N, C-alpha and C. Protein backbone atom coordinates (compact mmCIF):
# COMPACT_ATOMS: atom_id res chain seq x y z
N UNK A 1 2.95 -14.31 35.83
CA UNK A 1 2.16 -15.53 35.75
C UNK A 1 2.95 -16.69 36.35
N UNK A 2 2.26 -17.62 36.90
CA UNK A 2 2.87 -18.85 37.39
C UNK A 2 2.37 -19.99 36.53
N UNK A 3 2.95 -21.15 36.74
CA UNK A 3 2.59 -22.28 35.90
C UNK A 3 3.66 -22.45 34.83
N UNK A 4 3.26 -22.80 33.66
CA UNK A 4 4.18 -22.95 32.53
C UNK A 4 3.92 -21.81 31.56
N UNK A 5 4.72 -20.75 31.70
CA UNK A 5 4.50 -19.55 30.89
C UNK A 5 4.72 -19.80 29.40
N UNK A 6 5.71 -20.61 29.08
CA UNK A 6 6.00 -20.87 27.67
C UNK A 6 4.85 -21.59 26.98
N UNK A 7 4.21 -22.50 27.70
CA UNK A 7 3.08 -23.25 27.12
C UNK A 7 1.75 -22.56 27.41
N UNK A 8 1.80 -21.45 28.15
CA UNK A 8 0.60 -20.70 28.52
C UNK A 8 -0.40 -21.59 29.26
N UNK A 9 0.14 -22.32 30.25
CA UNK A 9 -0.68 -23.22 31.06
C UNK A 9 -0.68 -22.69 32.49
N UNK A 10 -1.87 -22.53 33.05
CA UNK A 10 -1.99 -22.00 34.41
C UNK A 10 -1.64 -23.07 35.45
N UNK A 11 -1.34 -22.65 36.68
CA UNK A 11 -1.05 -23.62 37.74
C UNK A 11 -2.22 -24.57 37.99
N UNK A 12 -3.44 -24.07 37.86
CA UNK A 12 -4.61 -24.92 38.07
C UNK A 12 -4.66 -26.08 37.07
N UNK A 13 -4.10 -25.85 35.91
CA UNK A 13 -4.08 -26.91 34.90
C UNK A 13 -2.93 -27.89 35.12
N UNK A 14 -1.91 -27.45 35.85
CA UNK A 14 -0.75 -28.29 36.10
C UNK A 14 -0.88 -29.13 37.38
N UNK A 15 -1.53 -28.55 38.39
CA UNK A 15 -1.59 -29.17 39.71
C UNK A 15 -3.03 -29.28 40.19
N UNK A 16 -3.30 -30.33 40.95
CA UNK A 16 -4.62 -30.49 41.53
C UNK A 16 -4.50 -30.62 43.05
N UNK A 17 -5.61 -30.87 43.71
CA UNK A 17 -5.60 -30.94 45.18
C UNK A 17 -4.76 -32.11 45.69
N UNK A 18 -4.67 -33.17 44.91
CA UNK A 18 -3.83 -34.31 45.30
C UNK A 18 -2.36 -33.88 45.33
N UNK A 19 -1.94 -33.10 44.35
CA UNK A 19 -0.57 -32.59 44.33
C UNK A 19 -0.30 -31.69 45.54
N UNK A 20 -1.27 -30.85 45.87
CA UNK A 20 -1.13 -29.96 47.01
C UNK A 20 -1.03 -30.75 48.31
N UNK A 21 -1.85 -31.77 48.45
CA UNK A 21 -1.82 -32.61 49.65
C UNK A 21 -0.47 -33.33 49.76
N UNK A 22 0.04 -33.82 48.66
CA UNK A 22 1.34 -34.49 48.66
C UNK A 22 2.45 -33.51 49.06
N UNK A 23 2.42 -32.32 48.53
CA UNK A 23 3.42 -31.31 48.88
C UNK A 23 3.34 -30.96 50.36
N UNK A 24 2.13 -30.84 50.88
CA UNK A 24 1.96 -30.55 52.29
C UNK A 24 2.48 -31.68 53.16
N UNK A 25 2.24 -32.91 52.76
CA UNK A 25 2.76 -34.06 53.51
C UNK A 25 4.28 -34.07 53.52
N UNK A 26 4.91 -33.78 52.38
CA UNK A 26 6.37 -33.70 52.33
C UNK A 26 6.89 -32.58 53.24
N UNK A 27 6.22 -31.45 53.22
CA UNK A 27 6.64 -30.33 54.05
C UNK A 27 6.50 -30.67 55.53
N UNK A 28 5.42 -31.32 55.91
CA UNK A 28 5.21 -31.72 57.30
C UNK A 28 6.27 -32.72 57.74
N UNK A 29 6.56 -33.69 56.90
CA UNK A 29 7.58 -34.69 57.19
C UNK A 29 8.94 -34.02 57.37
N UNK A 30 9.28 -33.11 56.48
CA UNK A 30 10.56 -32.40 56.55
C UNK A 30 10.64 -31.56 57.82
N UNK A 31 9.56 -30.85 58.13
CA UNK A 31 9.51 -30.04 59.35
C UNK A 31 9.77 -30.90 60.58
N UNK A 32 9.14 -32.05 60.66
CA UNK A 32 9.30 -32.93 61.82
C UNK A 32 10.73 -33.43 61.93
N UNK A 33 11.35 -33.77 60.82
CA UNK A 33 12.74 -34.22 60.84
C UNK A 33 13.68 -33.11 61.28
N UNK A 34 13.48 -31.92 60.77
CA UNK A 34 14.32 -30.78 61.13
C UNK A 34 14.14 -30.43 62.61
N UNK A 35 12.91 -30.46 63.09
CA UNK A 35 12.65 -30.19 64.49
C UNK A 35 13.33 -31.22 65.39
N UNK A 36 13.26 -32.48 65.01
CA UNK A 36 13.93 -33.55 65.77
C UNK A 36 15.43 -33.32 65.79
N UNK A 37 16.02 -33.00 64.65
CA UNK A 37 17.45 -32.73 64.57
C UNK A 37 17.83 -31.53 65.42
N UNK A 38 17.04 -30.48 65.34
CA UNK A 38 17.30 -29.27 66.14
C UNK A 38 17.29 -29.61 67.63
N UNK A 39 16.30 -30.37 68.06
CA UNK A 39 16.22 -30.74 69.47
C UNK A 39 17.41 -31.60 69.90
N UNK A 40 17.83 -32.51 69.03
CA UNK A 40 18.99 -33.36 69.35
C UNK A 40 20.25 -32.50 69.45
N UNK A 41 20.42 -31.59 68.53
CA UNK A 41 21.61 -30.71 68.56
C UNK A 41 21.57 -29.81 69.78
N UNK A 42 20.39 -29.29 70.10
CA UNK A 42 20.25 -28.40 71.25
C UNK A 42 20.57 -29.12 72.55
N UNK A 43 20.17 -30.39 72.65
CA UNK A 43 20.44 -31.13 73.89
C UNK A 43 21.91 -31.46 74.03
N UNK A 44 22.62 -31.60 72.93
CA UNK A 44 24.07 -31.86 72.97
C UNK A 44 24.79 -30.61 73.44
N UNK A 45 24.34 -29.44 73.00
CA UNK A 45 24.97 -28.18 73.40
C UNK A 45 24.78 -27.89 74.88
N UNK A 46 23.70 -28.42 75.47
CA UNK A 46 23.42 -28.16 76.89
C UNK A 46 24.33 -28.94 77.82
N UNK A 47 24.99 -29.97 77.34
CA UNK A 47 25.81 -30.82 78.20
C UNK A 47 27.25 -30.44 78.19
């Protein structure tokens, strides 16, 4: 089971679509930062 097993609360009771959207936004932001860093590091290695 996922969620809070000790309290016997399902994930649906803990999180809603707003939480999912926020998590997705954080993941997208992190992905973009990592991609930018990777590209900067890659361009330094080429020189």
